[in-house]
C-alpha atoms as a PDB file:
ATOM      1  CA  UNK A   1     -11.016   7.053  21.262  1.00  0.00           C
ATOM      2  CA  UNK A   2      -7.366   5.990  20.957  1.00  0.00           C
ATOM      3  CA  UNK A   3      -8.113   2.483  22.248  1.00  0.00           C
ATOM      4  CA  UNK A   4     -11.019   2.012  19.814  1.00  0.00           C
ATOM      5  CA  UNK A   5      -8.870   3.270  16.951  1.00  0.00           C
ATOM      6  CA  UNK A   6      -6.227   0.685  17.859  1.00  0.00           C
ATOM      7  CA  UNK A   7      -8.898  -2.032  17.920  1.00  0.00           C
ATOM      8  CA  UNK A   8     -10.027  -1.097  14.390  1.00  0.00           C
ATOM      9  CA  UNK A   9      -6.421  -1.036  13.194  1.00  0.00           C
ATOM     10  CA  UNK A  10      -5.943  -4.545  14.601  1.00  0.00           C
ATOM     11  CA  UNK A  11      -8.965  -5.857  12.683  1.00  0.00           C
ATOM     12  CA  UNK A  12      -7.742  -4.153   9.524  1.00  0.00           C
ATOM     13  CA  UNK A  13      -4.316  -5.795   9.897  1.00  0.00           C
ATOM     14  CA  UNK A  14      -5.924  -9.215  10.388  1.00  0.00           C
ATOM     15  CA  UNK A  15      -8.005  -8.728   7.219  1.00  0.00           C
ATOM     16  CA  UNK A  16      -4.885  -8.447   5.061  1.00  0.00           C
ATOM     17  CA  UNK A  17      -3.870 -12.039   5.910  1.00  0.00           C
ATOM     18  CA  UNK A  18      -7.307 -13.588   5.325  1.00  0.00           C
ATOM     19  CA  UNK A  19      -8.546 -15.340   2.157  1.00  0.00           C
ATOM     20  CA  UNK A  20      -9.858 -12.457   0.068  1.00  0.00           C
ATOM     21  CA  UNK A  21     -13.089 -14.287  -0.837  1.00  0.00           C
ATOM     22  CA  UNK A  22     -14.157 -14.478   2.825  1.00  0.00           C
ATOM     23  CA  UNK A  23     -12.549 -11.404   4.351  1.00  0.00           C
ATOM     24  CA  UNK A  24     -15.779  -9.532   5.114  1.00  0.00           C
ATOM     25  CA  UNK A  25     -17.503 -12.542   6.707  1.00  0.00           C
ATOM     26  CA  UNK A  26     -14.522 -13.534   8.823  1.00  0.00           C
ATOM     27  CA  UNK A  27     -13.856  -9.969  10.017  1.00  0.00           C
ATOM     28  CA  UNK A  28     -17.527  -9.549  10.957  1.00  0.00           C
ATOM     29  CA  UNK A  29     -17.420 -12.783  12.982  1.00  0.00           C
ATOM     30  CA  UNK A  30     -14.098 -11.870  14.584  1.00  0.00           C
ATOM     31  CA  UNK A  31     -15.340  -8.378  15.426  1.00  0.00           C
ATOM     32  CA  UNK A  32     -18.401  -9.793  17.213  1.00  0.00           C
ATOM     33  CA  UNK A  33     -16.280 -12.238  19.223  1.00  0.00           C
ATOM     34  CA  UNK A  34     -13.659  -9.678  20.228  1.00  0.00           C
ATOM     35  CA  UNK A  35     -16.212  -6.993  21.086  1.00  0.00           C
ATOM     36  CA  UNK A  36     -17.920  -9.503  23.371  1.00  0.00           C
ATOM     37  CA  UNK A  37     -14.587 -10.193  25.097  1.00  0.00           C
ATOM     38  CA  UNK A  38     -13.868  -6.485  25.414  1.00  0.00           C
ATOM     39  CA  UNK A  39     -17.301  -5.772  26.910  1.00  0.00           C
ATOM     40  CA  UNK A  40     -16.767  -8.501  29.506  1.00  0.00           C
ATOM     41  CA  UNK A  41     -13.477  -6.899  30.533  1.00  0.00           C
ATOM     42  CA  UNK A  42     -15.038  -3.459  30.674  1.00  0.00           C
ATOM     43  CA  UNK A  43     -17.931  -4.815  32.747  1.00  0.00           C
ATOM     44  CA  UNK A  44     -15.467  -6.218  35.278  1.00  0.00           C
ATOM     45  CA  UNK A  45     -13.628  -2.881  35.440  1.00  0.00           C
ATOM     46  CA  UNK A  46     -16.785  -0.762  35.366  1.00  0.00           C
ATOM     47  CA  UNK A  47     -15.297   1.494  32.691  1.00  0.00           C
ATOM     48  CA  UNK A  48     -13.871   1.480  29.192  1.00  0.00           C
ATOM     49  CA  UNK A  49     -10.412   0.084  28.546  1.00  0.00           C
ATOM     50  CA  UNK A  50      -7.618   2.612  28.582  1.00  0.00           C
ATOM     51  CA  UNK A  51      -5.085   2.743  25.802  1.00  0.00           C
ATOM     52  CA  UNK A  52      -2.554   0.793  27.830  1.00  0.00           C
ATOM     53  CA  UNK A  53      -5.110  -1.874  28.738  1.00  0.00           C
ATOM     54  CA  UNK A  54      -6.121  -2.169  25.091  1.00  0.00           C
ATOM     55  CA  UNK A  55      -2.465  -2.692  24.130  1.00  0.00           C
ATOM     56  CA  UNK A  56      -2.099  -5.438  26.743  1.00  0.00           C
ATOM     57  CA  UNK A  57      -5.267  -7.162  25.559  1.00  0.00           C
ATOM     58  CA  UNK A  58      -4.252  -7.079  21.888  1.00  0.00           C
ATOM     59  CA  UNK A  59      -0.869  -8.510  22.836  1.00  0.00           C
ATOM     60  CA  UNK A  60      -2.689 -11.391  24.513  1.00  0.00           C
ATOM     61  CA  UNK A  61      -4.657 -12.002  21.320  1.00  0.00           C
ATOM     62  CA  UNK A  62      -1.416 -12.274  19.364  1.00  0.00           C
ATOM     63  CA  UNK A  63      -0.104 -10.696  16.153  1.00  0.00           C
ATOM     64  CA  UNK A  64      -2.610 -10.238  13.321  1.00  0.00           C
ATOM     65  CA  UNK A  65      -0.895 -12.951  11.272  1.00  0.00           C
ATOM     66  CA  UNK A  66      -1.495 -15.457  14.085  1.00  0.00           C
ATOM     67  CA  UNK A  67      -5.107 -14.417  14.517  1.00  0.00           C
ATOM     68  CA  UNK A  68      -5.718 -14.759  10.778  1.00  0.00           C
ATOM     69  CA  UNK A  69      -4.102 -18.196  10.799  1.00  0.00           C
ATOM     70  CA  UNK A  70      -6.960 -19.553  12.932  1.00  0.00           C
ATOM     71  CA  UNK A  71      -9.364 -18.895  10.068  1.00  0.00           C
ATOM     72  CA  UNK A  72      -7.278 -20.507   7.353  1.00  0.00           C
ATOM     73  CA  UNK A  73      -8.411 -23.835   5.844  1.00  0.00           C
ATOM     74  CA  UNK A  74      -6.421 -26.933   6.873  1.00  0.00           C
ATOM     75  CA  UNK A  75      -3.050 -27.373   5.138  1.00  0.00           C
ATOM     76  CA  UNK A  76      -1.122 -30.608   4.705  1.00  0.00           C
ATOM     77  CA  UNK A  77       2.409 -29.256   4.424  1.00  0.00           C
ATOM     78  CA  UNK A  78       2.066 -25.805   6.009  1.00  0.00           C
ATOM     79  CA  UNK A  79      -0.203 -25.327   9.014  1.00  0.00           C
ATOM     80  CA  UNK A  80      -2.616 -22.433   9.516  1.00  0.00           C
ATOM     81  CA  UNK A  81      -0.339 -20.849  12.107  1.00  0.00           C
ATOM     82  CA  UNK A  82       2.358 -19.944   9.618  1.00  0.00           C
ATOM     83  CA  UNK A  83       0.446 -20.092   6.323  1.00  0.00           C
ATOM     84  CA  UNK A  84      -0.372 -16.329   6.287  1.00  0.00           C
ATOM     85  CA  UNK A  85       3.320 -15.524   6.657  1.00  0.00           C
ATOM     86  CA  UNK A  86       4.191 -18.073   3.969  1.00  0.00           C
ATOM     87  CA  UNK A  87       1.652 -16.520   1.605  1.00  0.00           C
ATOM     88  CA  UNK A  88       2.952 -13.021   2.335  1.00  0.00           C
ATOM     89  CA  UNK A  89       6.585 -14.018   1.672  1.00  0.00           C
ATOM     90  CA  UNK A  90       5.602 -15.933  -1.465  1.00  0.00           C
ATOM     91  CA  UNK A  91       3.858 -12.875  -2.916  1.00  0.00           C
ATOM     92  CA  UNK A  92       6.911 -10.713  -2.180  1.00  0.00           C
ATOM     93  CA  UNK A  93       9.212 -13.201  -3.894  1.00  0.00           C
ATOM     94  CA  UNK A  94       6.922 -13.456  -6.931  1.00  0.00           C
ATOM     95  CA  UNK A  95       6.707  -9.684  -7.236  1.00  0.00           C
ATOM     96  CA  UNK A  96      10.401  -8.848  -7.040  1.00  0.00           C
ATOM     97  CA  UNK A  97      11.391 -11.876  -9.083  1.00  0.00           C
ATOM     98  CA  UNK A  98       9.055 -10.668 -11.846  1.00  0.00           C
ATOM     99  CA  UNK A  99      10.515  -7.162 -11.734  1.00  0.00           C
ATOM    100  CA  UNK A 100      14.084  -8.491 -11.753  1.00  0.00           C
ATOM    101  CA  UNK A 101      13.333 -10.911 -14.579  1.00  0.00           C
ATOM    102  CA  UNK A 102      11.846  -8.134 -16.709  1.00  0.00           C
ATOM    103  CA  UNK A 103      14.820  -5.851 -16.061  1.00  0.00           C
ATOM    104  CA  UNK A 104      17.280  -8.631 -16.972  1.00  0.00           C
ATOM    105  CA  UNK A 105      15.469  -9.293 -20.272  1.00  0.00           C
ATOM    106  CA  UNK A 106      15.457  -5.629 -21.172  1.00  0.00           C
ATOM    107  CA  UNK A 107      19.119  -5.191 -20.216  1.00  0.00           C
ATOM    108  CA  UNK A 108      20.183  -8.139 -22.394  1.00  0.00           C
ATOM    109  CA  UNK A 109      18.083  -6.874 -25.305  1.00  0.00           C
ATOM    110  CA  UNK A 110      19.750  -3.476 -25.123  1.00  0.00           C
ATOM    111  CA  UNK A 111      23.296  -4.760 -24.515  1.00  0.00           C
ATOM    112  CA  UNK A 112      23.375  -7.968 -26.570  1.00  0.00           C
ATOM    113  CA  UNK A 113      20.857  -6.907 -29.287  1.00  0.00           C
ATOM    114  CA  UNK A 114      18.655  -9.992 -29.073  1.00  0.00           C
ATOM    115  CA  UNK A 115      15.700 -10.236 -31.436  1.00  0.00           C
ATOM    116  CA  UNK A 116      11.957 -10.750 -30.826  1.00  0.00           C
ATOM    117  CA  UNK A 117      12.327 -14.564 -31.044  1.00  0.00           C
ATOM    118  CA  UNK A 118      14.757 -14.576 -28.122  1.00  0.00           C
ATOM    119  CA  UNK A 119      12.443 -12.311 -26.106  1.00  0.00           C
ATOM    120  CA  UNK A 120       9.526 -14.655 -26.811  1.00  0.00           C
ATOM    121  CA  UNK A 121      11.552 -17.623 -25.525  1.00  0.00           C
ATOM    122  CA  UNK A 122      12.456 -15.776 -22.347  1.00  0.00           C
ATOM    123  CA  UNK A 123       8.815 -14.872 -21.733  1.00  0.00           C
ATOM    124  CA  UNK A 124       7.834 -18.507 -22.325  1.00  0.00           C
ATOM    125  CA  UNK A 125      10.329 -19.569 -19.632  1.00  0.00           C
ATOM    126  CA  UNK A 126       8.876 -17.090 -17.131  1.00  0.00           C
ATOM    127  CA  UNK A 127       6.248 -19.501 -15.632  1.00  0.00           C
ATOM    128  CA  UNK A 128       8.904 -22.149 -14.952  1.00  0.00           C
ATOM    129  CA  UNK A 129      11.062 -19.560 -13.178  1.00  0.00           C
ATOM    130  CA  UNK A 130       8.116 -18.630 -10.949  1.00  0.00           C
ATOM    131  CA  UNK A 131       7.353 -22.289 -10.226  1.00  0.00           C
ATOM    132  CA  UNK A 132      10.951 -22.942  -9.218  1.00  0.00           C
ATOM    133  CA  UNK A 133      10.999 -19.953  -6.860  1.00  0.00           C
ATOM    134  CA  UNK A 134       7.645 -20.962  -5.363  1.00  0.00           C
ATOM    135  CA  UNK A 135       8.969 -24.493  -4.808  1.00  0.00           C
ATOM    136  CA  UNK A 136      11.987 -23.192  -2.873  1.00  0.00           C
ATOM    137  CA  UNK A 137       9.891 -20.862  -0.710  1.00  0.00           C
ATOM    138  CA  UNK A 138       7.432 -23.686   0.008  1.00  0.00           C
ATOM    139  CA  UNK A 139      10.244 -26.068   0.912  1.00  0.00           C
ATOM    140  CA  UNK A 140      11.686 -23.586   3.395  1.00  0.00           C
ATOM    141  CA  UNK A 141       8.322 -23.103   5.109  1.00  0.00           C
ATOM    142  CA  UNK A 142       7.690 -26.855   5.187  1.00  0.00           C
ATOM    143  CA  UNK A 143      10.901 -27.131   7.199  1.00  0.00           C
ATOM    144  CA  UNK A 144       9.696 -24.306   9.479  1.00  0.00           C
ATOM    145  CA  UNK A 145       6.411 -26.159   9.990  1.00  0.00           C
ATOM    146  CA  UNK A 146       8.185 -29.393  10.818  1.00  0.00           C
ATOM    147  CA  UNK A 147      10.523 -27.759  13.342  1.00  0.00           C
ATOM    148  CA  UNK A 148       7.829 -25.671  15.029  1.00  0.00           C
ATOM    149  CA  UNK A 149       5.487 -28.695  15.311  1.00  0.00           C
ATOM    150  CA  UNK A 150       8.023 -31.196  16.659  1.00  0.00           C
ATOM    151  CA  UNK A 151      10.498 -28.987  18.485  1.00  0.00           C
ATOM    152  CA  UNK A 152       8.498 -25.994  19.761  1.00  0.00           C
ATOM    153  CA  UNK A 153      10.868 -25.516  22.692  1.00  0.00           C
ATOM    154  CA  UNK A 154      13.713 -24.763  20.269  1.00  0.00           C
ATOM    155  CA  UNK A 155      11.892 -21.986  18.450  1.00  0.00           C
ATOM    156  CA  UNK A 156       9.385 -20.333  20.799  1.00  0.00           C
ATOM    157  CA  UNK A 157       7.380 -17.751  18.860  1.00  0.00           C
ATOM    158  CA  UNK A 158       9.931 -18.020  16.085  1.00  0.00           C
ATOM    159  CA  UNK A 159       7.526 -17.458  13.240  1.00  0.00           C
ATOM    160  CA  UNK A 160       5.065 -15.235  15.056  1.00  0.00           C
ATOM    161  CA  UNK A 161       7.773 -12.774  16.148  1.00  0.00           C
ATOM    162  CA  UNK A 162       5.611 -11.967  19.179  1.00  0.00           C
ATOM    163  CA  UNK A 163       8.460 -10.435  21.246  1.00  0.00           C
ATOM    164  CA  UNK A 164       8.843  -7.653  18.664  1.00  0.00           C
ATOM    165  CA  UNK A 165       5.177  -7.221  17.851  1.00  0.00           C
ATOM    166  CA  UNK A 166       3.260  -4.347  19.425  1.00  0.00           C
ATOM    167  CA  UNK A 167      -0.246  -2.980  18.732  1.00  0.00           C
ATOM    168  CA  UNK A 168       1.244   0.514  18.632  1.00  0.00           C
ATOM    169  CA  UNK A 169       2.985  -0.443  15.359  1.00  0.00           C
ATOM    170  CA  UNK A 170      -0.254  -1.272  13.561  1.00  0.00           C
ATOM    171  CA  UNK A 171      -0.768   0.708  10.314  1.00  0.00           C
ATOM    172  CA  UNK A 172      -3.352   3.526  10.330  1.00  0.00           C
ATOM    173  CA  UNK A 173      -6.899   2.820   9.221  1.00  0.00           C
ATOM    174  CA  UNK A 174      -7.421   2.965   5.480  1.00  0.00           C
ATOM    175  CA  UNK A 175      -9.661   5.763   4.282  1.00  0.00           C
ATOM    176  CA  UNK A 176     -13.010   4.778   2.865  1.00  0.00           C
ATOM    177  CA  UNK A 177     -13.391   5.019  -0.927  1.00  0.00           C
ATOM    178  CA  UNK A 178     -15.141   8.136  -2.264  1.00  0.00           C
ATOM    179  CA  UNK A 179     -18.894   8.009  -2.635  1.00  0.00           C
ATOM    180  CA  UNK A 180     -19.965   6.312  -5.838  1.00  0.00           C
ATOM    181  CA  UNK A 181     -16.824   4.174  -6.127  1.00  0.00           C
ATOM    182  CA  UNK A 182     -16.277   0.571  -5.113  1.00  0.00           C
ATOM    183  CA  UNK A 183     -13.188  -1.122  -3.667  1.00  0.00           C
ATOM    184  CA  UNK A 184     -11.242  -3.093  -6.250  1.00  0.00           C
ATOM    185  CA  UNK A 185     -11.204  -6.878  -6.178  1.00  0.00           C
ATOM    186  CA  UNK A 186      -7.947  -8.808  -5.901  1.00  0.00           C
ATOM    187  CA  UNK A 187      -8.430 -10.095  -9.453  1.00  0.00           C
ATOM    188  CA  UNK A 188      -8.681  -6.518 -10.730  1.00  0.00           C
ATOM    189  CA  UNK A 189      -5.568  -5.432  -8.832  1.00  0.00           C
ATOM    190  CA  UNK A 190      -3.546  -8.381 -10.156  1.00  0.00           C
ATOM    191  CA  UNK A 191      -4.810  -7.793 -13.695  1.00  0.00           C
ATOM    192  CA  UNK A 192      -3.719  -4.143 -13.502  1.00  0.00           C
ATOM    193  CA  UNK A 193      -0.249  -5.205 -12.333  1.00  0.00           C
ATOM    194  CA  UNK A 194       0.130  -7.802 -15.116  1.00  0.00           C
ATOM    195  CA  UNK A 195      -1.026  -5.343 -17.790  1.00  0.00           C
ATOM    196  CA  UNK A 196       1.333  -2.648 -16.486  1.00  0.00           C
ATOM    197  CA  UNK A 197       4.196  -5.162 -16.464  1.00  0.00           C
ATOM    198  CA  UNK A 198       3.471  -6.294 -20.039  1.00  0.00           C
ATOM    199  CA  UNK A 199       3.153  -2.697 -21.228  1.00  0.00           C
ATOM    200  CA  UNK A 200       6.503  -1.775 -19.679  1.00  0.00           C
ATOM    201  CA  UNK A 201       8.258  -4.728 -21.335  1.00  0.00           C
ATOM    202  CA  UNK A 202       6.645  -3.813 -24.666  1.00  0.00           C
ATOM    203  CA  UNK A 203       7.811  -0.202 -24.377  1.00  0.00           C
ATOM    204  CA  UNK A 204      11.363  -1.254 -23.541  1.00  0.00           C
ATOM    205  CA  UNK A 205      11.526  -3.250 -26.769  1.00  0.00           C
ATOM    206  CA  UNK A 206      10.694  -0.190 -28.888  1.00  0.00           C
ATOM    207  CA  UNK A 207      14.216   1.411 -29.126  1.00  0.00           C
ATOM    208  CA  UNK A 208      15.886  -1.696 -30.551  1.00  0.00           C
ATOM    209  CA  UNK A 209      12.816  -3.198 -32.254  1.00  0.00           C
ATOM    210  CA  UNK A 210      10.462  -0.429 -33.455  1.00  0.00           C
ATOM    211  CA  UNK A 211       8.594  -3.086 -35.415  1.00  0.00           C
ATOM    212  CA  UNK A 212       6.682  -3.967 -32.226  1.00  0.00           C
ATOM    213  CA  UNK A 213       4.905  -0.600 -32.569  1.00  0.00           C
ATOM    214  CA  UNK A 214       4.926   0.275 -36.241  1.00  0.00           C
ATOM    215  CA  UNK A 215       5.017  -3.159 -37.813  1.00  0.00           C
ATOM    216  CA  UNK A 216       6.012  -2.925 -41.485  1.00  0.00           C
ATOM    217  CA  UNK A 217       5.879   0.864 -41.128  1.00  0.00           C
ATOM    218  CA  UNK A 218       9.179   0.738 -39.195  1.00  0.00           C
ATOM    219  CA  UNK A 219      11.078   0.367 -42.473  1.00  0.00           C
ATOM    220  CA  UNK A 220       9.258   3.350 -43.945  1.00  0.00           C
ATOM    221  CA  UNK A 221      10.125   5.473 -40.901  1.00  0.00           C
ATOM    222  CA  UNK A 222      13.799   4.570 -41.202  1.00  0.00           C
ATOM    223  CA  UNK A 223      13.939   5.904 -44.761  1.00  0.00           C
ATOM    224  CA  UNK A 224      11.583   8.833 -44.245  1.00  0.00           C
ATOM    225  CA  UNK A 225      12.824  12.365 -45.088  1.00  0.00           C
ATOM    226  CA  UNK A 226      11.358  13.496 -41.749  1.00  0.00           C
ATOM    227  CA  UNK A 227      12.564  12.307 -38.352  1.00  0.00           C
ATOM    228  CA  UNK A 228      11.871  13.066 -34.698  1.00  0.00           C
ATOM    229  CA  UNK A 229      14.217  15.349 -32.785  1.00  0.00           C
ATOM    230  CA  UNK A 230      16.177  14.357 -29.697  1.00  0.00           C
ATOM    231  CA  UNK A 231      13.365  15.550 -27.412  1.00  0.00           C
ATOM    232  CA  UNK A 232      11.352  12.481 -28.467  1.00  0.00           C
ATOM    233  CA  UNK A 233      13.979  10.231 -26.862  1.00  0.00           C
ATOM    234  CA  UNK A 234      13.872  12.191 -23.603  1.00  0.00           C
ATOM    235  CA  UNK A 235      10.081  12.065 -23.672  1.00  0.00           C
ATOM    236  CA  UNK A 236      10.084   8.291 -24.288  1.00  0.00           C
ATOM    237  CA  UNK A 237      12.397   7.439 -21.376  1.00  0.00           C
ATOM    238  CA  UNK A 238      10.409   9.727 -19.082  1.00  0.00           C
ATOM    239  CA  UNK A 239       7.283   7.712 -19.953  1.00  0.00           C
ATOM    240  CA  UNK A 240       9.199   4.476 -19.260  1.00  0.00           C
ATOM    241  CA  UNK A 241      10.318   5.771 -15.850  1.00  0.00           C
ATOM    242  CA  UNK A 242       6.751   6.824 -15.085  1.00  0.00           C
ATOM    243  CA  UNK A 243       5.507   3.332 -15.970  1.00  0.00           C
ATOM    244  CA  UNK A 244       8.167   1.716 -13.785  1.00  0.00           C
ATOM    245  CA  UNK A 245       7.144   3.872 -10.812  1.00  0.00           C
ATOM    246  CA  UNK A 246       3.515   2.851 -11.291  1.00  0.00           C
ATOM    247  CA  UNK A 247       4.476  -0.835 -11.564  1.00  0.00           C
ATOM    248  CA  UNK A 248       6.532  -0.785  -8.355  1.00  0.00           C
ATOM    249  CA  UNK A 249       3.796   1.086  -6.525  1.00  0.00           C
ATOM    250  CA  UNK A 250       1.129  -1.398  -7.638  1.00  0.00           C
ATOM    251  CA  UNK A 251       3.339  -4.283  -6.564  1.00  0.00           C
ATOM    252  CA  UNK A 252       3.952  -2.628  -3.203  1.00  0.00           C
ATOM    253  CA  UNK A 253       0.195  -2.284  -2.688  1.00  0.00           C
ATOM    254  CA  UNK A 254      -0.330  -5.945  -3.543  1.00  0.00           C
ATOM    255  CA  UNK A 255       2.283  -7.121  -1.060  1.00  0.00           C
ATOM    256  CA  UNK A 256       0.966  -4.850   1.699  1.00  0.00           C
ATOM    257  CA  UNK A 257      -2.664  -5.784   1.076  1.00  0.00           C
ATOM    258  CA  UNK A 258      -3.663  -2.175   0.318  1.00  0.00           C
ATOM    259  CA  UNK A 259      -4.926  -2.961  -3.167  1.00  0.00           C
ATOM    260  CA  UNK A 260      -8.631  -2.557  -2.325  1.00  0.00           C
ATOM    261  CA  UNK A 261      -8.553   1.248  -2.272  1.00  0.00           C
ATOM    262  CA  UNK A 262      -6.317   3.557  -4.281  1.00  0.00           C
ATOM    263  CA  UNK A 263      -5.016   6.104  -1.815  1.00  0.00           C
ATOM    264  CA  UNK A 264      -5.563   9.801  -2.409  1.00  0.00           C
ATOM    265  CA  UNK A 265      -1.833  10.434  -2.101  1.00  0.00           C
ATOM    266  CA  UNK A 266      -1.073   7.866  -4.816  1.00  0.00           C
ATOM    267  CA  UNK A 267      -3.689   9.397  -7.089  1.00  0.00           C
ATOM    268  CA  UNK A 268      -2.298  12.913  -6.615  1.00  0.00           C
ATOM    269  CA  UNK A 269       1.328  11.855  -7.073  1.00  0.00           C
ATOM    270  CA  UNK A 270       0.445   9.960 -10.248  1.00  0.00           C
ATOM    271  CA  UNK A 271      -1.432  12.979 -11.584  1.00  0.00           C
ATOM    272  CA  UNK A 272       1.447  15.280 -10.698  1.00  0.00           C
ATOM    273  CA  UNK A 273       4.053  13.058 -12.354  1.00  0.00           C
ATOM    274  CA  UNK A 274       1.959  12.884 -15.524  1.00  0.00           C
ATOM    275  CA  UNK A 275       2.639  16.604 -15.992  1.00  0.00           C
ATOM    276  CA  UNK A 276       6.414  16.026 -16.325  1.00  0.00           C
ATOM    277  CA  UNK A 277       6.456  14.364 -19.800  1.00  0.00           C
ATOM    278  CA  UNK A 278       4.244  17.123 -21.193  1.00  0.00           C
ATOM    279  CA  UNK A 279       6.457  19.784 -19.605  1.00  0.00           C
ATOM    280  CA  UNK A 280       9.486  18.191 -21.299  1.00  0.00           C
ATOM    281  CA  UNK A 281       7.796  18.508 -24.688  1.00  0.00           C
ATOM    282  CA  UNK A 282       6.778  22.114 -24.033  1.00  0.00           C
ATOM    283  CA  UNK A 283      10.393  22.956 -23.109  1.00  0.00           C
ATOM    284  CA  UNK A 284      11.785  21.403 -26.307  1.00  0.00           C
ATOM    285  CA  UNK A 285      14.670  23.521 -27.725  1.00  0.00           C
ATOM    286  CA  UNK A 286      13.326  25.776 -30.413  1.00  0.00           C
ATOM    287  CA  UNK A 287       9.933  24.089 -30.050  1.00  0.00           C
ATOM    288  CA  UNK A 288      11.084  21.584 -32.638  1.00  0.00           C
ATOM    289  CA  UNK A 289       9.661  18.058 -32.657  1.00  0.00           C
ATOM    290  CA  UNK A 290      10.399  16.961 -36.215  1.00  0.00           C
ATOM    291  CA  UNK A 291      13.324  17.801 -38.464  1.00  0.00           C
ATOM    292  CA  UNK A 292      14.858  16.951 -41.812  1.00  0.00           C
ATOM    293  CA  UNK A 293      16.544  13.574 -42.207  1.00  0.00           C
ATOM    294  CA  UNK A 294      19.738  14.501 -44.142  1.00  0.00           C
ATOM    295  CA  UNK A 295      20.143  10.979 -45.514  1.00  0.00           C
ATOM    296  CA  UNK A 296      16.760  11.159 -47.235  1.00  0.00           C
ATOM    297  CA  UNK A 297      16.567  14.904 -47.950  1.00  0.00           C
ATOM    298  CA  UNK A 298      15.976  14.292 -51.661  1.00  0.00           C
ATOM    299  CA  UNK A 299      12.649  12.625 -50.936  1.00  0.00           C
ATOM    300  CA  UNK A 300      11.186  15.610 -49.066  1.00  0.00           C
ATOM    301  CA  UNK A 301       7.961  16.820 -50.747  1.00  0.00           C
ATOM    302  CA  UNK A 302       8.040  20.311 -52.198  1.00  0.00           C
ATOM    303  CA  UNK A 303       6.626  23.025 -49.967  1.00  0.00           C
ATOM    304  CA  UNK A 304       6.949  20.942 -46.780  1.00  0.00           C
ATOM    305  CA  UNK A 305       6.835  23.482 -43.925  1.00  0.00           C
ATOM    306  CA  UNK A 306       8.657  22.273 -40.807  1.00  0.00           C
ATOM    307  CA  UNK A 307       7.997  25.525 -38.920  1.00  0.00           C
ATOM    308  CA  UNK A 308       4.235  25.355 -39.365  1.00  0.00           C
ATOM    309  CA  UNK A 309       4.016  21.691 -38.352  1.00  0.00           C
ATOM    310  CA  UNK A 310       6.211  22.207 -35.286  1.00  0.00           C
ATOM    311  CA  UNK A 311       4.124  25.231 -34.304  1.00  0.00           C
ATOM    312  CA  UNK A 312       0.895  23.229 -34.577  1.00  0.00           C
ATOM    313  CA  UNK A 313       2.400  20.408 -32.540  1.00  0.00           C
ATOM    314  CA  UNK A 314       3.500  22.862 -29.863  1.00  0.00           C
ATOM    315  CA  UNK A 315       0.002  24.384 -29.728  1.00  0.00           C
ATOM    316  CA  UNK A 316      -1.582  20.971 -29.304  1.00  0.00           C
ATOM    317  CA  UNK A 317       0.879  20.009 -26.563  1.00  0.00           C
ATOM    318  CA  UNK A 318       0.233  23.287 -24.756  1.00  0.00           C
ATOM    319  CA  UNK A 319      -3.532  22.686 -24.801  1.00  0.00           C
ATOM    320  CA  UNK A 320      -3.008  19.146 -23.498  1.00  0.00           C
ATOM    321  CA  UNK A 321      -0.692  20.457 -20.761  1.00  0.00           C
ATOM    322  CA  UNK A 322      -3.226  23.055 -19.638  1.00  0.00           C
ATOM    323  CA  UNK A 323      -5.921  20.368 -19.409  1.00  0.00           C
ATOM    324  CA  UNK A 324      -3.700  18.053 -17.355  1.00  0.00           C
ATOM    325  CA  UNK A 325      -2.626  20.871 -15.002  1.00  0.00           C
ATOM    326  CA  UNK A 326      -6.247  21.952 -14.483  1.00  0.00           C
ATOM    327  CA  UNK A 327      -7.255  18.364 -13.713  1.00  0.00           C
ATOM    328  CA  UNK A 328      -4.420  18.063 -11.195  1.00  0.00           C
ATOM    329  CA  UNK A 329      -5.364  21.403  -9.593  1.00  0.00           C
ATOM    330  CA  UNK A 330      -8.993  20.298  -9.344  1.00  0.00           C
ATOM    331  CA  UNK A 331      -8.071  16.972  -7.717  1.00  0.00           C
ATOM    332  CA  UNK A 332      -5.723  18.766  -5.341  1.00  0.00           C
ATOM    333  CA  UNK A 333      -8.430  21.273  -4.412  1.00  0.00           C
ATOM    334  CA  UNK A 334     -10.872  18.428  -3.689  1.00  0.00           C
ATOM    335  CA  UNK A 335      -8.266  16.678  -1.534  1.00  0.00           C
ATOM    336  CA  UNK A 336      -7.561  19.713   0.668  1.00  0.00           C
ATOM    337  CA  UNK A 337     -10.868  19.610   2.645  1.00  0.00           C
ATOM    338  CA  UNK A 338     -10.337  15.903   3.329  1.00  0.00           C
ATOM    339  CA  UNK A 339      -6.801  16.529   4.525  1.00  0.00           C
ATOM    340  CA  UNK A 340      -7.984  19.348   6.774  1.00  0.00           C
ATOM    341  CA  UNK A 341     -10.712  17.165   8.267  1.00  0.00           C
ATOM    342  CA  UNK A 342      -8.229  14.379   8.883  1.00  0.00           C
ATOM    343  CA  UNK A 343      -5.832  16.794  10.619  1.00  0.00           C
ATOM    344  CA  UNK A 344      -8.701  18.155  12.741  1.00  0.00           C
ATOM    345  CA  UNK A 345      -9.647  14.651  13.844  1.00  0.00           C
ATOM    346  CA  UNK A 346      -6.046  13.978  14.870  1.00  0.00           C
ATOM    347  CA  UNK A 347      -5.967  17.204  16.916  1.00  0.00           C
ATOM    348  CA  UNK A 348      -9.273  16.402  18.611  1.00  0.00           C
END
């Protein structure tokens, strides 16, 4: 059972380096070929391969990135042997460069008080920044390809890292998606990341440029006799932090190739964290969410009841919090049987 599990983990690792349009077909072909090789070995031994023999055989096959390279289309500058690694590194660079670029824009907006026109120019320059980074990464791997092709004796297994690779370090098998759901496509996963990134940038512009949310109504809010209390600021930055966590997690899944299935742990953690902003509102001092703006107190309508409005807001937030907590408890309860079954399989 352990040897077969390792075999499945090997195929899963190879899949992550394959062209996503042909992953299923290539893995099916590779599975048939490798199972035939394994059966021949087992026929010679007269028994199934032990765990140690499976490890030795997978080492002979080579790291997953090397195996996947044999199924890559021909490349002119970068050969199929190192193209999967090049593609993996390129995605990592694109991801963290995007995150760093967004953070730098936001930091300069907050510190230097740049306007929307400046932000628009920075966003327009974003594609050229990505192209420049991609050019440098490609140039480095072109040099690697040249050296490994013409001077293999000077860099044996340099790119494959075979001396450090071991089948025992393969990641565990991904759980199958729940019944009735389908694995996401790469296009969907990338679209979710881009939307989350754009939403985060948009939210970070709100403190210094509320016009991005309210439009012309931002001027009315500034001179309104009613304003939000300090708890609104705490709530806002909690939402921003929550969005940043989701963005980093989505990027991590893209770089690791685990974007096809949203893990149960990620779903539960996201649900659990969504309770925090609501809890902050419920714990607001004095249960106050709006208050009088002293600068515009003369414009307050007669009979305006702050206490009643704050009470109604608190009631609505409490109802929303109860719903979110019940949803989280329900998801957690559904996850417990699966976790128990998984633990039982490990024990057996």
